[in-house]
Amino acid sequence: MSAAHRPYREVPVSSQRRVHVFDCFACAIHRMAPICEHCRCQIIGQGVEADGQWYCGAHCARSDGRVGIVDRV
């Protein structure tokens, strides 16, 4: 079956007591992923939170003046 003839499948995502509906998981990630406060990239996967702000990693958190943030490997 070609992509043009596949049945449409919605991807519902719940966040903060609201349900958002997307046509694919990639669109859901693009819309829902937090943004790094320092470099402004989307955080897909592991990020770090400091004082309610999200960073893509410890380097960006430290560059933004946060102390005591370390990456875990």
Protein backbone atom coordinates (compact mmCIF):
# COMPACT_ATOMS: atom_id res chain seq x y z
CA MET A 1 0.00 0.00 0.00
CA SER A 2 1.44 3.39 -0.94
CA ALA A 3 1.82 6.21 1.57
CA ALA A 4 -0.96 8.13 -0.17
CA HIS A 5 -3.42 5.30 0.52
CA ARG A 6 -2.55 4.49 4.13
CA PRO A 7 -5.31 5.08 6.67
CA TYR A 8 -4.85 8.25 8.72
CA ARG A 9 -3.75 7.64 12.31
CA GLU A 10 -3.88 10.41 14.87
CA VAL A 11 -1.19 10.69 17.55
CA PRO A 12 -2.72 12.06 20.76
CA VAL A 13 -0.29 13.54 23.31
CA SER A 14 -1.36 14.56 26.82
CA SER A 15 0.42 17.43 28.55
CA GLN A 16 -0.64 19.60 31.46
CA ARG A 17 -4.18 18.17 31.44
CA ARG A 18 -4.65 18.96 27.74
CA VAL A 19 -4.68 16.57 24.80
CA HIS A 20 -2.94 17.66 21.60
CA VAL A 21 -3.54 15.65 18.41
CA PHE A 22 -0.89 15.34 15.69
CA ASP A 23 -0.75 13.50 12.39
CA CYS A 24 2.65 11.96 13.19
CA PHE A 25 4.99 11.48 16.13
CA ALA A 26 7.68 13.71 14.55
CA CYS A 27 5.19 16.62 14.48
CA ALA A 28 4.36 15.99 18.14
CA ILE A 29 8.05 16.11 19.08
CA HIS A 30 8.61 19.28 17.07
CA ARG A 31 5.69 21.07 18.74
CA MET A 32 6.05 19.77 22.32
CA ALA A 33 9.83 19.61 22.90
CA PRO A 34 11.16 22.22 25.33
CA ILE A 35 13.63 24.85 24.09
CA CYS A 36 17.09 25.28 25.65
CA GLU A 37 17.22 28.61 27.51
CA HIS A 38 20.83 29.19 26.39
CA CYS A 39 21.30 27.99 22.80
CA ARG A 40 17.58 27.83 21.84
CA CYS A 41 17.77 24.31 20.36
CA GLN A 42 14.90 21.88 20.86
CA ILE A 43 15.58 19.35 23.59
CA ILE A 44 14.85 15.88 22.24
CA GLY A 45 15.68 13.21 24.82
CA GLN A 46 17.67 14.10 27.89
CA GLY A 47 17.92 17.68 29.08
CA VAL A 48 18.56 19.31 32.44
CA GLU A 49 16.26 21.54 34.46
CA ALA A 50 17.51 24.26 36.79
CA ASP A 51 15.20 26.62 38.65
CA GLY A 52 12.32 25.83 36.31
CA GLN A 53 14.33 26.47 33.14
CA TRP A 54 15.34 23.78 30.64
CA TYR A 55 18.76 23.34 29.05
CA CYS A 56 19.96 20.84 26.45
CA GLY A 57 22.92 19.92 28.66
CA ALA A 58 25.08 20.95 31.59
CA HIS A 59 27.35 23.07 29.37
CA CYS A 60 24.49 25.38 28.39
CA ALA A 61 23.20 25.50 31.97
CA ARG A 62 26.64 26.52 33.26
CA SER A 63 27.04 29.03 30.42
CA ASP A 64 23.78 30.60 31.58
CA GLY A 65 25.14 30.95 35.13
CA ARG A 66 23.69 27.82 36.74
CA VAL A 67 26.03 26.15 39.22
CA GLY A 68 26.30 22.53 40.28
CA ILE A 69 24.85 21.12 37.05
CA VAL A 70 26.69 18.08 35.66
CA ASP A 71 25.96 15.74 32.78
CA ARG A 72 25.48 12.08 33.72
CA VAL A 73 26.87 9.44 31.40
